Amino acid sequence: MNDFETVVKRYLALWNETDARARRAAIDEVFADGVRYVDPMAEVTGRAELDGLIAAVHAQFPGMVFTAAGPVDAHHDQARFTWRLGQPGGEALVVGFDVAELDADGRITRVLGFLDRVPA
């Protein structure tokens, strides 16, 4: 079994990375080449498109950070986890949960995201 706690920590850290080069390097380490990411607001395929999506989230929510909002629940090669997005130390503006699937090398191949709270 993969160390899903570590994978999720790295996943959230790269969503918080504002340096474009460092973020892209992290994406290349954490995600498989043809990763697919789908949530109610976006659908992207591949590391470059995912990087563009994360940059767009930074532009839409400047200064906000993603944090884990509970334990990681995992079995086989998939995990689900809840996260929050908000100002550091503040109330969450957005709350959601993701389901991530990993390949045999421990890289994320697919993310299915769900949004539980979004701004009006």
PDB file of N, CA and C in Angstrom:
ATOM      1  N   MET A   1       0.839  -1.182   0.000  1.00  0.00           N
ATOM      2  CA  MET A   1       0.000   0.000   0.000  1.00  0.00           C
ATOM      3  C   MET A   1       0.884   1.245   0.000  1.00  0.00           C
ATOM      4  N   ASN A   2       0.451   2.266  -0.695  1.00  0.00           N
ATOM      5  CA  ASN A   2       1.174   3.532  -0.760  1.00  0.00           C
ATOM      6  C   ASN A   2       0.986   4.334   0.528  1.00  0.00           C
ATOM      7  N   ASP A   3       1.898   5.254   0.778  1.00  0.00           N
ATOM      8  CA  ASP A   3       1.794   6.143   1.927  1.00  0.00           C
ATOM      9  C   ASP A   3       0.932   7.335   1.523  1.00  0.00           C
ATOM     10  N   PHE A   4      -0.366   7.171   1.648  1.00  0.00           N
ATOM     11  CA  PHE A   4      -1.306   8.178   1.167  1.00  0.00           C
ATOM     12  C   PHE A   4      -1.222   9.480   1.952  1.00  0.00           C
ATOM     13  N   GLU A   5      -0.907   9.414   3.226  1.00  0.00           N
ATOM     14  CA  GLU A   5      -0.760  10.642   4.007  1.00  0.00           C
ATOM     15  C   GLU A   5       0.302  11.536   3.385  1.00  0.00           C
ATOM     16  N   THR A   6       1.417  10.945   2.998  1.00  0.00           N
ATOM     17  CA  THR A   6       2.503  11.704   2.367  1.00  0.00           C
ATOM     18  C   THR A   6       2.078  12.235   1.011  1.00  0.00           C
ATOM     19  N   VAL A   7       1.413  11.422   0.227  1.00  0.00           N
ATOM     20  CA  VAL A   7       0.948  11.849  -1.097  1.00  0.00           C
ATOM     21  C   VAL A   7       0.006  13.045  -0.960  1.00  0.00           C
ATOM     22  N   VAL A   8      -0.915  12.987  -0.022  1.00  0.00           N
ATOM     23  CA  VAL A   8      -1.880  14.074   0.154  1.00  0.00           C
ATOM     24  C   VAL A   8      -1.176  15.336   0.651  1.00  0.00           C
ATOM     25  N   LYS A   9      -0.216  15.200   1.559  1.00  0.00           N
ATOM     26  CA  LYS A   9       0.545  16.372   2.012  1.00  0.00           C
ATOM     27  C   LYS A   9       1.274  17.025   0.841  1.00  0.00           C
ATOM     28  N   ARG A  10       1.892  16.224  -0.003  1.00  0.00           N
ATOM     29  CA  ARG A  10       2.596  16.767  -1.169  1.00  0.00           C
ATOM     30  C   ARG A  10       1.618  17.392  -2.151  1.00  0.00           C
ATOM     31  N   TYR A  11       0.464  16.767  -2.324  1.00  0.00           N
ATOM     32  CA  TYR A  11      -0.590  17.272  -3.210  1.00  0.00           C
ATOM     33  C   TYR A  11      -1.040  18.664  -2.761  1.00  0.00           C
ATOM     34  N   LEU A  12      -1.366  18.810  -1.484  1.00  0.00           N
ATOM     35  CA  LEU A  12      -1.820  20.110  -0.975  1.00  0.00           C
ATOM     36  C   LEU A  12      -0.692  21.137  -1.026  1.00  0.00           C
ATOM     37  N   ALA A  13       0.534  20.711  -0.739  1.00  0.00           N
ATOM     38  CA  ALA A  13       1.674  21.641  -0.793  1.00  0.00           C
ATOM     39  C   ALA A  13       1.873  22.197  -2.192  1.00  0.00           C
ATOM     40  N   LEU A  14       1.714  21.367  -3.207  1.00  0.00           N
ATOM     41  CA  LEU A  14       1.930  21.886  -4.566  1.00  0.00           C
ATOM     42  C   LEU A  14       0.780  22.784  -5.001  1.00  0.00           C
ATOM     43  N   TRP A  15      -0.428  22.563  -4.480  1.00  0.00           N
ATOM     44  CA  TRP A  15      -1.532  23.501  -4.747  1.00  0.00           C
ATOM     45  C   TRP A  15      -1.261  24.847  -4.094  1.00  0.00           C
ATOM     46  N   ASN A  16      -0.457  24.866  -3.043  1.00  0.00           N
ATOM     47  CA  ASN A  16      -0.114  26.108  -2.359  1.00  0.00           C
ATOM     48  C   ASN A  16       1.141  26.770  -2.915  1.00  0.00           C
ATOM     49  N   GLU A  17       1.872  26.088  -3.760  1.00  0.00           N
ATOM     50  CA  GLU A  17       3.145  26.612  -4.271  1.00  0.00           C
ATOM     51  C   GLU A  17       2.903  27.755  -5.257  1.00  0.00           C
ATOM     52  N   THR A  18       3.439  28.927  -4.942  1.00  0.00           N
ATOM     53  CA  THR A  18       3.255  30.092  -5.814  1.00  0.00           C
ATOM     54  C   THR A  18       4.402  30.289  -6.789  1.00  0.00           C
ATOM     55  N   ASP A  19       5.550  29.678  -6.538  1.00  0.00           N
ATOM     56  CA  ASP A  19       6.665  29.754  -7.477  1.00  0.00           C
ATOM     57  C   ASP A  19       6.401  28.784  -8.622  1.00  0.00           C
ATOM     58  N   ALA A  20       6.279  29.305  -9.834  1.00  0.00           N
ATOM     59  CA  ALA A  20       5.875  28.491 -10.988  1.00  0.00           C
ATOM     60  C   ALA A  20       6.837  27.330 -11.249  1.00  0.00           C
ATOM     61  N   ARG A  21       8.124  27.568 -11.168  1.00  0.00           N
ATOM     62  CA  ARG A  21       9.095  26.483 -11.420  1.00  0.00           C
ATOM     63  C   ARG A  21       9.028  25.404 -10.354  1.00  0.00           C
ATOM     64  N   ALA A  22       8.970  25.810  -9.105  1.00  0.00           N
ATOM     65  CA  ALA A  22       8.885  24.834  -8.017  1.00  0.00           C
ATOM     66  C   ALA A  22       7.585  24.040  -8.106  1.00  0.00           C
ATOM     67  N   ARG A  23       6.483  24.723  -8.442  1.00  0.00           N
ATOM     68  CA  ARG A  23       5.196  24.034  -8.570  1.00  0.00           C
ATOM     69  C   ARG A  23       5.255  23.011  -9.689  1.00  0.00           C
ATOM     70  N   ARG A  24       5.802  23.394 -10.830  1.00  0.00           N
ATOM     71  CA  ARG A  24       5.859  22.457 -11.954  1.00  0.00           C
ATOM     72  C   ARG A  24       6.745  21.257 -11.630  1.00  0.00           C
ATOM     73  N   ALA A  25       7.852  21.487 -10.927  1.00  0.00           N
ATOM     74  CA  ALA A  25       8.721  20.378 -10.524  1.00  0.00           C
ATOM     75  C   ALA A  25       7.962  19.427  -9.592  1.00  0.00           C
ATOM     76  N   ALA A  26       7.185  19.985  -8.679  1.00  0.00           N
ATOM     77  CA  ALA A  26       6.400  19.155  -7.762  1.00  0.00           C
ATOM     78  C   ALA A  26       5.318  18.387  -8.515  1.00  0.00           C
ATOM     79  N   ILE A  27       4.674  19.038  -9.462  1.00  0.00           N
ATOM     80  CA  ILE A  27       3.659  18.362 -10.270  1.00  0.00           C
ATOM     81  C   ILE A  27       4.275  17.173 -11.004  1.00  0.00           C
ATOM     82  N   ASP A  28       5.457  17.369 -11.573  1.00  0.00           N
ATOM     83  CA  ASP A  28       6.125  16.283 -12.298  1.00  0.00           C
ATOM     84  C   ASP A  28       6.468  15.111 -11.384  1.00  0.00           C
ATOM     85  N   GLU A  29       6.714  15.380 -10.101  1.00  0.00           N
ATOM     86  CA  GLU A  29       7.018  14.309  -9.157  1.00  0.00           C
ATOM     87  C   GLU A  29       5.772  13.604  -8.646  1.00  0.00           C
ATOM     88  N   VAL A  30       4.708  14.353  -8.393  1.00  0.00           N
ATOM     89  CA  VAL A  30       3.525  13.813  -7.725  1.00  0.00           C
ATOM     90  C   VAL A  30       2.529  13.178  -8.695  1.00  0.00           C
ATOM     91  N   PHE A  31       2.442  13.721  -9.914  1.00  0.00           N
ATOM     92  CA  PHE A  31       1.415  13.275 -10.863  1.00  0.00           C
ATOM     93  C   PHE A  31       1.991  12.477 -12.019  1.00  0.00           C
ATOM     94  N   ALA A  32       1.245  11.482 -12.464  1.00  0.00           N
ATOM     95  CA  ALA A  32       1.596  10.721 -13.655  1.00  0.00           C
ATOM     96  C   ALA A  32       1.482  11.620 -14.884  1.00  0.00           C
ATOM     97  N   ASP A  33       2.141  11.239 -15.933  1.00  0.00           N
ATOM     98  CA  ASP A  33       2.215  12.039 -17.157  1.00  0.00           C
ATOM     99  C   ASP A  33       0.846  12.448 -17.699  1.00  0.00           C
ATOM    100  N   GLY A  34      -0.068  11.533 -17.804  1.00  0.00           N
ATOM    101  CA  GLY A  34      -1.381  11.823 -18.389  1.00  0.00           C
ATOM    102  C   GLY A  34      -2.464  12.044 -17.352  1.00  0.00           C
ATOM    103  N   VAL A  35      -2.125  12.619 -16.213  1.00  0.00           N
ATOM    104  CA  VAL A  35      -3.084  12.814 -15.133  1.00  0.00           C
ATOM    105  C   VAL A  35      -4.357  13.479 -15.646  1.00  0.00           C
ATOM    106  N   ARG A  36      -5.469  13.063 -15.083  1.00  0.00           N
ATOM    107  CA  ARG A  36      -6.760  13.681 -15.391  1.00  0.00           C
ATOM    108  C   ARG A  36      -7.329  14.230 -14.094  1.00  0.00           C
ATOM    109  N   TYR A  37      -7.728  15.507 -14.125  1.00  0.00           N
ATOM    110  CA  TYR A  37      -8.302  16.187 -12.960  1.00  0.00           C
ATOM    111  C   TYR A  37      -9.679  16.699 -13.365  1.00  0.00           C
ATOM    112  N   VAL A  38     -10.698  16.345 -12.560  1.00  0.00           N
ATOM    113  CA  VAL A  38     -12.069  16.769 -12.848  1.00  0.00           C
ATOM    114  C   VAL A  38     -12.730  17.212 -11.548  1.00  0.00           C
ATOM    115  N   ASP A  39     -13.285  18.416 -11.557  1.00  0.00           N
ATOM    116  CA  ASP A  39     -14.150  18.870 -10.473  1.00  0.00           C
ATOM    117  C   ASP A  39     -15.289  19.648 -11.110  1.00  0.00           C
ATOM    118  N   PRO A  40     -16.249  20.160 -10.332  1.00  0.00           N
ATOM    119  CA  PRO A  40     -17.392  20.855 -10.939  1.00  0.00           C
ATOM    120  C   PRO A  40     -17.018  22.099 -11.744  1.00  0.00           C
ATOM    121  N   MET A  41     -15.834  22.664 -11.515  1.00  0.00           N
ATOM    122  CA  MET A  41     -15.436  23.899 -12.184  1.00  0.00           C
ATOM    123  C   MET A  41     -14.422  23.695 -13.303  1.00  0.00           C
ATOM    124  N   ALA A  42     -13.777  22.519 -13.359  1.00  0.00           N
ATOM    125  CA  ALA A  42     -12.681  22.329 -14.311  1.00  0.00           C
ATOM    126  C   ALA A  42     -12.531  20.867 -14.701  1.00  0.00           C
ATOM    127  N   GLU A  43     -11.962  20.684 -15.877  1.00  0.00           N
ATOM    128  CA  GLU A  43     -11.588  19.353 -16.352  1.00  0.00           C
ATOM    129  C   GLU A  43     -10.332  19.522 -17.187  1.00  0.00           C
ATOM    130  N   VAL A  44      -9.221  18.942 -16.715  1.00  0.00           N
ATOM    131  CA  VAL A  44      -7.959  19.073 -17.415  1.00  0.00           C
ATOM    132  C   VAL A  44      -7.284  17.712 -17.523  1.00  0.00           C
ATOM    133  N   THR A  45      -6.424  17.592 -18.524  1.00  0.00           N
ATOM    134  CA  THR A  45      -5.651  16.370 -18.728  1.00  0.00           C
ATOM    135  C   THR A  45      -4.199  16.747 -18.949  1.00  0.00           C
ATOM    136  N   GLY A  46      -3.322  16.066 -18.228  1.00  0.00           N
ATOM    137  CA  GLY A  46      -1.884  16.284 -18.387  1.00  0.00           C
ATOM    138  C   GLY A  46      -1.339  17.262 -17.357  1.00  0.00           C
ATOM    139  N   ARG A  47      -0.045  17.147 -17.137  1.00  0.00           N
ATOM    140  CA  ARG A  47       0.621  17.965 -16.125  1.00  0.00           C
ATOM    141  C   ARG A  47       0.591  19.455 -16.460  1.00  0.00           C
ATOM    142  N   ALA A  48       0.784  19.795 -17.718  1.00  0.00           N
ATOM    143  CA  ALA A  48       0.806  21.216 -18.103  1.00  0.00           C
ATOM    144  C   ALA A  48      -0.554  21.862 -17.870  1.00  0.00           C
ATOM    145  N   GLU A  49      -1.631  21.190 -18.248  1.00  0.00           N
ATOM    146  CA  GLU A  49      -2.966  21.744 -18.024  1.00  0.00           C
ATOM    147  C   GLU A  49      -3.278  21.848 -16.531  1.00  0.00           C
ATOM    148  N   LEU A  50      -2.839  20.866 -15.754  1.00  0.00           N
ATOM    149  CA  LEU A  50      -3.043  20.923 -14.312  1.00  0.00           C
ATOM    150  C   LEU A  50      -2.290  22.111 -13.717  1.00  0.00           C
ATOM    151  N   ASP A  51      -1.076  22.327 -14.172  1.00  0.00           N
ATOM    152  CA  ASP A  51      -0.293  23.473 -13.709  1.00  0.00           C
ATOM    153  C   ASP A  51      -1.021  24.781 -14.033  1.00  0.00           C
ATOM    154  N   GLY A  52      -1.581  24.883 -15.219  1.00  0.00           N
ATOM    155  CA  GLY A  52      -2.351  26.068 -15.598  1.00  0.00           C
ATOM    156  C   GLY A  52      -3.577  26.263 -14.726  1.00  0.00           C
ATOM    157  N   LEU A  53      -4.244  25.178 -14.381  1.00  0.00           N
ATOM    158  CA  LEU A  53      -5.409  25.255 -13.505  1.00  0.00           C
ATOM    159  C   LEU A  53      -5.006  25.767 -12.121  1.00  0.00           C
ATOM    160  N   ILE A  54      -3.937  25.238 -11.572  1.00  0.00           N
ATOM    161  CA  ILE A  54      -3.488  25.666 -10.253  1.00  0.00           C
ATOM    162  C   ILE A  54      -3.097  27.145 -10.278  1.00  0.00           C
ATOM    163  N   ALA A  55      -2.423  27.585 -11.332  1.00  0.00           N
ATOM    164  CA  ALA A  55      -2.067  29.003 -11.459  1.00  0.00           C
ATOM    165  C   ALA A  55      -3.329  29.864 -11.510  1.00  0.00           C
ATOM    166  N   ALA A  56      -4.357  29.397 -12.183  1.00  0.00           N
ATOM    167  CA  ALA A  56      -5.615  30.146 -12.254  1.00  0.00           C
ATOM    168  C   ALA A  56      -6.292  30.235 -10.883  1.00  0.00           C
ATOM    169  N   VAL A  57      -6.217  29.170 -10.102  1.00  0.00           N
ATOM    170  CA  VAL A  57      -6.781  29.193  -8.746  1.00  0.00           C
ATOM    171  C   VAL A  57      -6.033  30.215  -7.897  1.00  0.00           C
ATOM    172  N   HIS A  58      -4.711  30.278  -8.040  1.00  0.00           N
ATOM    173  CA  HIS A  58      -3.920  31.275  -7.309  1.00  0.00           C
ATOM    174  C   HIS A  58      -4.356  32.690  -7.700  1.00  0.00           C
ATOM    175  N   ALA A  59      -4.628  32.911  -8.967  1.00  0.00           N
ATOM    176  CA  ALA A  59      -5.052  34.232  -9.426  1.00  0.00           C
ATOM    177  C   ALA A  59      -6.436  34.590  -8.884  1.00  0.00           C
ATOM    178  N   GLN A  60      -7.315  33.591  -8.801  1.00  0.00           N
ATOM    179  CA  GLN A  60      -8.680  33.832  -8.324  1.00  0.00           C
ATOM    180  C   GLN A  60      -8.746  33.996  -6.804  1.00  0.00           C
ATOM    181  N   PHE A  61      -7.861  33.313  -6.083  1.00  0.00           N
ATOM    182  CA  PHE A  61      -7.878  33.322  -4.621  1.00  0.00           C
ATOM    183  C   PHE A  61      -6.500  33.693  -4.066  1.00  0.00           C
ATOM    184  N   PRO A  62      -6.018  34.901  -4.347  1.00  0.00           N
ATOM    185  CA  PRO A  62      -4.660  35.273  -3.925  1.00  0.00           C
ATOM    186  C   PRO A  62      -4.505  35.242  -2.406  1.00  0.00           C
ATOM    187  N   GLY A  63      -3.369  34.695  -1.970  1.00  0.00           N
ATOM    188  CA  GLY A  63      -3.045  34.645  -0.558  1.00  0.00           C
ATOM    189  C   GLY A  63      -3.728  33.552   0.228  1.00  0.00           C
ATOM    190  N   MET A  64      -4.618  32.820  -0.408  1.00  0.00           N
ATOM    191  CA  MET A  64      -5.322  31.742   0.292  1.00  0.00           C
ATOM    192  C   MET A  64      -4.525  30.450   0.177  1.00  0.00           C
ATOM    193  N   VAL A  65      -4.732  29.557   1.144  1.00  0.00           N
ATOM    194  CA  VAL A  65      -4.004  28.298   1.164  1.00  0.00           C
ATOM    195  C   VAL A  65      -4.958  27.125   1.347  1.00  0.00           C
ATOM    196  N   PHE A  66      -4.535  26.002   0.800  1.00  0.00           N
ATOM    197  CA  PHE A  66      -5.247  24.743   0.976  1.00  0.00           C
ATOM    198  C   PHE A  66      -4.698  24.052   2.221  1.00  0.00           C
ATOM    199  N   THR A  67      -5.591  23.513   3.047  1.00  0.00           N
ATOM    200  CA  THR A  67      -5.186  22.732   4.208  1.00  0.00           C
ATOM    201  C   THR A  67      -6.039  21.474   4.284  1.00  0.00           C
ATOM    202  N   ALA A  68      -5.477  20.444   4.880  1.00  0.00           N
ATOM    203  CA  ALA A  68      -6.229  19.213   5.102  1.00  0.00           C
ATOM    204  C   ALA A  68      -7.302  19.485   6.147  1.00  0.00           C
ATOM    205  N   ALA A  69      -8.441  18.847   5.978  1.00  0.00           N
ATOM    206  CA  ALA A  69      -9.560  19.052   6.897  1.00  0.00           C
ATOM    207  C   ALA A  69     -10.034  17.733   7.481  1.00  0.00           C
ATOM    208  N   GLY A  70      -9.100  16.854   7.751  1.00  0.00           N
ATOM    209  CA  GLY A  70      -9.460  15.563   8.325  1.00  0.00           C
ATOM    210  C   GLY A  70      -8.493  14.498   7.858  1.00  0.00           C
ATOM    211  N   PRO A  71      -8.729  13.281   8.272  1.00  0.00           N
ATOM    212  CA  PRO A  71      -7.827  12.189   7.913  1.00  0.00           C
ATOM    213  C   PRO A  71      -7.996  11.758   6.460  1.00  0.00           C
ATOM    214  N   VAL A  72      -6.992  11.082   5.964  1.00  0.00           N
ATOM    215  CA  VAL A  72      -7.035  10.490   4.633  1.00  0.00           C
ATOM    216  C   VAL A  72      -7.633   9.095   4.770  1.00  0.00           C
ATOM    217  N   ASP A  73      -8.628   8.798   3.963  1.00  0.00           N
ATOM    218  CA  ASP A  73      -9.263   7.483   3.935  1.00  0.00           C
ATOM    219  C   ASP A  73      -8.813   6.802   2.647  1.00  0.00           C
ATOM    220  N   ALA A  74      -8.130   5.660   2.762  1.00  0.00           N
ATOM    221  CA  ALA A  74      -7.552   5.035   1.571  1.00  0.00           C
ATOM    222  C   ALA A  74      -7.702   3.523   1.591  1.00  0.00           C
ATOM    223  N   HIS A  75      -7.789   2.973   0.419  1.00  0.00           N
ATOM    224  CA  HIS A  75      -7.696   1.529   0.224  1.00  0.00           C
ATOM    225  C   HIS A  75      -7.259   1.277  -1.204  1.00  0.00           C
ATOM    226  N   HIS A  76      -6.653   0.128  -1.421  1.00  0.00           N
ATOM    227  CA  HIS A  76      -6.081  -0.234  -2.703  1.00  0.00           C
ATOM    228  C   HIS A  76      -5.213   0.920  -3.209  1.00  0.00           C
ATOM    229  N   ASP A  77      -5.484   1.450  -4.363  1.00  0.00           N
ATOM    230  CA  ASP A  77      -4.686   2.550  -4.913  1.00  0.00           C
ATOM    231  C   ASP A  77      -5.489   3.838  -5.018  1.00  0.00           C
ATOM    232  N   GLN A  78      -6.395   4.043  -4.085  1.00  0.00           N
ATOM    233  CA  GLN A  78      -7.204   5.256  -4.112  1.00  0.00           C
ATOM    234  C   GLN A  78      -7.373   5.802  -2.702  1.00  0.00           C
ATOM    235  N   ALA A  79      -7.536   7.116  -2.661  1.00  0.00           N
ATOM    236  CA  ALA A  79      -7.708   7.791  -1.372  1.00  0.00           C
ATOM    237  C   ALA A  79      -8.709   8.922  -1.528  1.00  0.00           C
ATOM    238  N   ARG A  80      -9.386   9.238  -0.440  1.00  0.00           N
ATOM    239  CA  ARG A  80     -10.254  10.409  -0.416  1.00  0.00           C
ATOM    240  C   ARG A  80      -9.862  11.242   0.801  1.00  0.00           C
ATOM    241  N   PHE A  81      -9.995  12.552   0.620  1.00  0.00           N
ATOM    242  CA  PHE A  81      -9.605  13.458   1.695  1.00  0.00           C
ATOM    243  C   PHE A  81     -10.338  14.774   1.524  1.00  0.00           C
ATOM    244  N   THR A  82     -10.626  15.408   2.644  1.00  0.00           N
ATOM    245  CA  THR A  82     -11.305  16.693   2.651  1.00  0.00           C
ATOM    246  C   THR A  82     -10.263  17.786   2.821  1.00  0.00           C
ATOM    247  N   TRP A  83     -10.499  18.920   2.166  1.00  0.00           N
ATOM    248  CA  TRP A  83      -9.582  20.052   2.230  1.00  0.00           C
ATOM    249  C   TRP A  83     -10.377  21.340   2.382  1.00  0.00           C
ATOM    250  N   ARG A  84      -9.661  22.375   2.808  1.00  0.00           N
ATOM    251  CA  ARG A  84     -10.236  23.714   2.935  1.00  0.00           C
ATOM    252  C   ARG A  84      -9.346  24.692   2.201  1.00  0.00           C
ATOM    253  N   LEU A  85      -9.948  25.757   1.703  1.00  0.00           N
ATOM    254  CA  LEU A  85      -9.209  26.854   1.081  1.00  0.00           C
ATOM    255  C   LEU A  85      -9.642  28.144   1.760  1.00  0.00           C
ATOM    256  N   GLY A  86      -8.658  28.879   2.286  1.00  0.00           N
ATOM    257  CA  GLY A  86      -8.972  30.146   2.941  1.00  0.00           C
ATOM    258  C   GLY A  86      -7.698  30.882   3.322  1.00  0.00           C
ATOM    259  N   GLN A  87      -7.864  32.028   3.940  1.00  0.00           N
ATOM    260  CA  GLN A  87      -6.720  32.783   4.440  1.00  0.00           C
ATOM    261  C   GLN A  87      -6.054  31.965   5.548  1.00  0.00           C
ATOM    262  N   PRO A  88      -4.742  31.999   5.637  1.00  0.00           N
ATOM    263  CA  PRO A  88      -4.054  31.250   6.699  1.00  0.00           C
ATOM    264  C   PRO A  88      -4.624  31.606   8.073  1.00  0.00           C
ATOM    265  N   GLY A  89      -5.043  30.602   8.822  1.00  0.00           N
ATOM    266  CA  GLY A  89      -5.599  30.794  10.149  1.00  0.00           C
ATOM    267  C   GLY A  89      -7.034  31.282  10.175  1.00  0.00           C
ATOM    268  N   GLY A  90      -7.613  31.530   9.005  1.00  0.00           N
ATOM    269  CA  GLY A  90      -8.976  32.043   8.940  1.00  0.00           C
ATOM    270  C   GLY A  90      -9.987  30.969   8.597  1.00  0.00           C
ATOM    271  N   GLU A  91     -11.233  31.399   8.494  1.00  0.00           N
ATOM    272  CA  GLU A  91     -12.314  30.492   8.119  1.00  0.00           C
ATOM    273  C   GLU A  91     -12.181  30.106   6.646  1.00  0.00           C
ATOM    274  N   ALA A  92     -12.585  28.896   6.324  1.00  0.00           N
ATOM    275  CA  ALA A  92     -12.502  28.413   4.952  1.00  0.00           C
ATOM    276  C   ALA A  92     -13.541  29.097   4.073  1.00  0.00           C
ATOM    277  N   LEU A  93     -13.109  29.551   2.919  1.00  0.00           N
ATOM    278  CA  LEU A  93     -14.008  30.102   1.916  1.00  0.00           C
ATOM    279  C   LEU A  93     -14.593  28.977   1.062  1.00  0.00           C
ATOM    280  N   VAL A  94     -13.750  27.984   0.769  1.00  0.00           N
ATOM    281  CA  VAL A  94     -14.148  26.827  -0.036  1.00  0.00           C
ATOM    282  C   VAL A  94     -13.794  25.566   0.740  1.00  0.00           C
ATOM    283  N   VAL A  95     -14.685  24.582   0.701  1.00  0.00           N
ATOM    284  CA  VAL A  95     -14.436  23.277   1.306  1.00  0.00           C
ATOM    285  C   VAL A  95     -14.810  22.229   0.273  1.00  0.00           C
ATOM    286  N   GLY A  96     -13.973  21.219   0.145  1.00  0.00           N
ATOM    287  CA  GLY A  96     -14.269  20.147  -0.793  1.00  0.00           C
ATOM    288  C   GLY A  96     -13.591  18.862  -0.394  1.00  0.00           C
ATOM    289  N   PHE A  97     -13.797  17.844  -1.207  1.00  0.00           N
ATOM    290  CA  PHE A  97     -13.034  16.623  -1.010  1.00  0.00           C
ATOM    291  C   PHE A  97     -12.654  16.073  -2.367  1.00  0.00           C
ATOM    292  N   ASP A  98     -11.515  15.407  -2.378  1.00  0.00           N
ATOM    293  CA  ASP A  98     -10.988  14.823  -3.603  1.00  0.00           C
ATOM    294  C   ASP A  98     -10.810  13.329  -3.418  1.00  0.00           C
ATOM    295  N   VAL A  99     -10.940  12.617  -4.507  1.00  0.00           N
ATOM    296  CA  VAL A  99     -10.598  11.206  -4.581  1.00  0.00           C
ATOM    297  C   VAL A  99      -9.446  11.114  -5.571  1.00  0.00           C
ATOM    298  N   ALA A 100      -8.329  10.553  -5.117  1.00  0.00           N
ATOM    299  CA  ALA A 100      -7.147  10.434  -5.963  1.00  0.00           C
ATOM    300  C   ALA A 100      -6.816   8.966  -6.183  1.00  0.00           C
ATOM    301  N   GLU A 101      -6.456   8.640  -7.424  1.00  0.00           N
ATOM    302  CA  GLU A 101      -6.027   7.284  -7.764  1.00  0.00           C
ATOM    303  C   GLU A 101      -4.551   7.320  -8.104  1.00  0.00           C
ATOM    304  N   LEU A 102      -3.807   6.325  -7.631  1.00  0.00           N
ATOM    305  CA  LEU A 102      -2.364   6.257  -7.852  1.00  0.00           C
ATOM    306  C   LEU A 102      -1.999   5.099  -8.755  1.00  0.00           C
ATOM    307  N   ASP A 103      -0.900   5.284  -9.475  1.00  0.00           N
ATOM    308  CA  ASP A 103      -0.367   4.195 -10.286  1.00  0.00           C
ATOM    309  C   ASP A 103       0.600   3.351  -9.452  1.00  0.00           C
ATOM    310  N   ALA A 104       1.209   2.358 -10.072  1.00  0.00           N
ATOM    311  CA  ALA A 104       2.115   1.452  -9.368  1.00  0.00           C
ATOM    312  C   ALA A 104       3.350   2.164  -8.830  1.00  0.00           C
ATOM    313  N   ASP A 105       3.702   3.320  -9.404  1.00  0.00           N
ATOM    314  CA  ASP A 105       4.852   4.094  -8.936  1.00  0.00           C
ATOM    315  C   ASP A 105       4.477   5.088  -7.841  1.00  0.00           C
ATOM    316  N   GLY A 106       3.208   5.109  -7.435  1.00  0.00           N
ATOM    317  CA  GLY A 106       2.764   6.021  -6.385  1.00  0.00           C
ATOM    318  C   GLY A 106       2.445   7.422  -6.868  1.00  0.00           C
ATOM    319  N   ARG A 107       2.342   7.614  -8.182  1.00  0.00           N
ATOM    320  CA  ARG A 107       1.971   8.918  -8.735  1.00  0.00           C
ATOM    321  C   ARG A 107       0.465   8.969  -8.963  1.00  0.00           C
ATOM    322  N   ILE A 108      -0.084  10.162  -8.809  1.00  0.00           N
ATOM    323  CA  ILE A 108      -1.520  10.348  -8.984  1.00  0.00           C
ATOM    324  C   ILE A 108      -1.857  10.320 -10.471  1.00  0.00           C
ATOM    325  N   THR A 109      -2.820   9.471 -10.836  1.00  0.00           N
ATOM    326  CA  THR A 109      -3.244   9.355 -12.229  1.00  0.00           C
ATOM    327  C   THR A 109      -4.566  10.067 -12.497  1.00  0.00           C
ATOM    328  N   ARG A 110      -5.390  10.179 -11.445  1.00  0.00           N
ATOM    329  CA  ARG A 110      -6.694  10.812 -11.627  1.00  0.00           C
ATOM    330  C   ARG A 110      -7.144  11.417 -10.305  1.00  0.00           C
ATOM    331  N   VAL A 111      -7.772  12.584 -10.408  1.00  0.00           N
ATOM    332  CA  VAL A 111      -8.377  13.240  -9.254  1.00  0.00           C
ATOM    333  C   VAL A 111      -9.814  13.579  -9.612  1.00  0.00           C
ATOM    334  N   LEU A 112     -10.727  13.157  -8.756  1.00  0.00           N
ATOM    335  CA  LEU A 112     -12.135  13.505  -8.890  1.00  0.00           C
ATOM    336  C   LEU A 112     -12.455  14.399  -7.706  1.00  0.00           C
ATOM    337  N   GLY A 113     -12.769  15.652  -7.986  1.00  0.00           N
ATOM    338  CA  GLY A 113     -12.995  16.633  -6.932  1.00  0.00           C
ATOM    339  C   GLY A 113     -14.460  16.977  -6.773  1.00  0.00           C
ATOM    340  N   PHE A 114     -14.853  17.239  -5.535  1.00  0.00           N
ATOM    341  CA  PHE A 114     -16.215  17.612  -5.193  1.00  0.00           C
ATOM    342  C   PHE A 114     -16.155  18.850  -4.300  1.00  0.00           C
ATOM    343  N   LEU A 115     -17.062  19.777  -4.511  1.00  0.00           N
ATOM    344  CA  LEU A 115     -17.085  21.020  -3.733  1.00  0.00           C
ATOM    345  C   LEU A 115     -18.281  21.014  -2.804  1.00  0.00           C
ATOM    346  N   ASP A 116     -18.013  21.141  -1.505  1.00  0.00           N
ATOM    347  CA  ASP A 116     -19.070  21.146  -0.502  1.00  0.00           C
ATOM    348  C   ASP A 116     -19.511  22.547  -0.127  1.00  0.00           C
ATOM    349  N   ARG A 117     -18.572  23.504  -0.207  1.00  0.00           N
ATOM    350  CA  ARG A 117     -18.895  24.915   0.077  1.00  0.00           C
ATOM    351  C   ARG A 117     -18.119  25.769  -0.896  1.00  0.00           C
ATOM    352  N   VAL A 118     -18.834  26.667  -1.566  1.00  0.00           N
ATOM    353  CA  VAL A 118     -18.207  27.615  -2.483  1.00  0.00           C
ATOM    354  C   VAL A 118     -18.793  29.004  -2.241  1.00  0.00           C
ATOM    355  N   PRO A 119     -18.034  30.058  -2.546  1.00  0.00           N
ATOM    356  CA  PRO A 119     -18.595  31.399  -2.372  1.00  0.00           C
ATOM    357  C   PRO A 119     -19.748  31.649  -3.331  1.00  0.00           C
ATOM    358  N   ALA A 120     -20.676  32.473  -2.906  1.00  0.00           N
ATOM    359  CA  ALA A 120     -21.854  32.777  -3.732  1.00  0.00           C
ATOM    360  C   ALA A 120     -21.465  33.523  -4.991  1.00  0.00           C
TER     361      ALA A 120
END
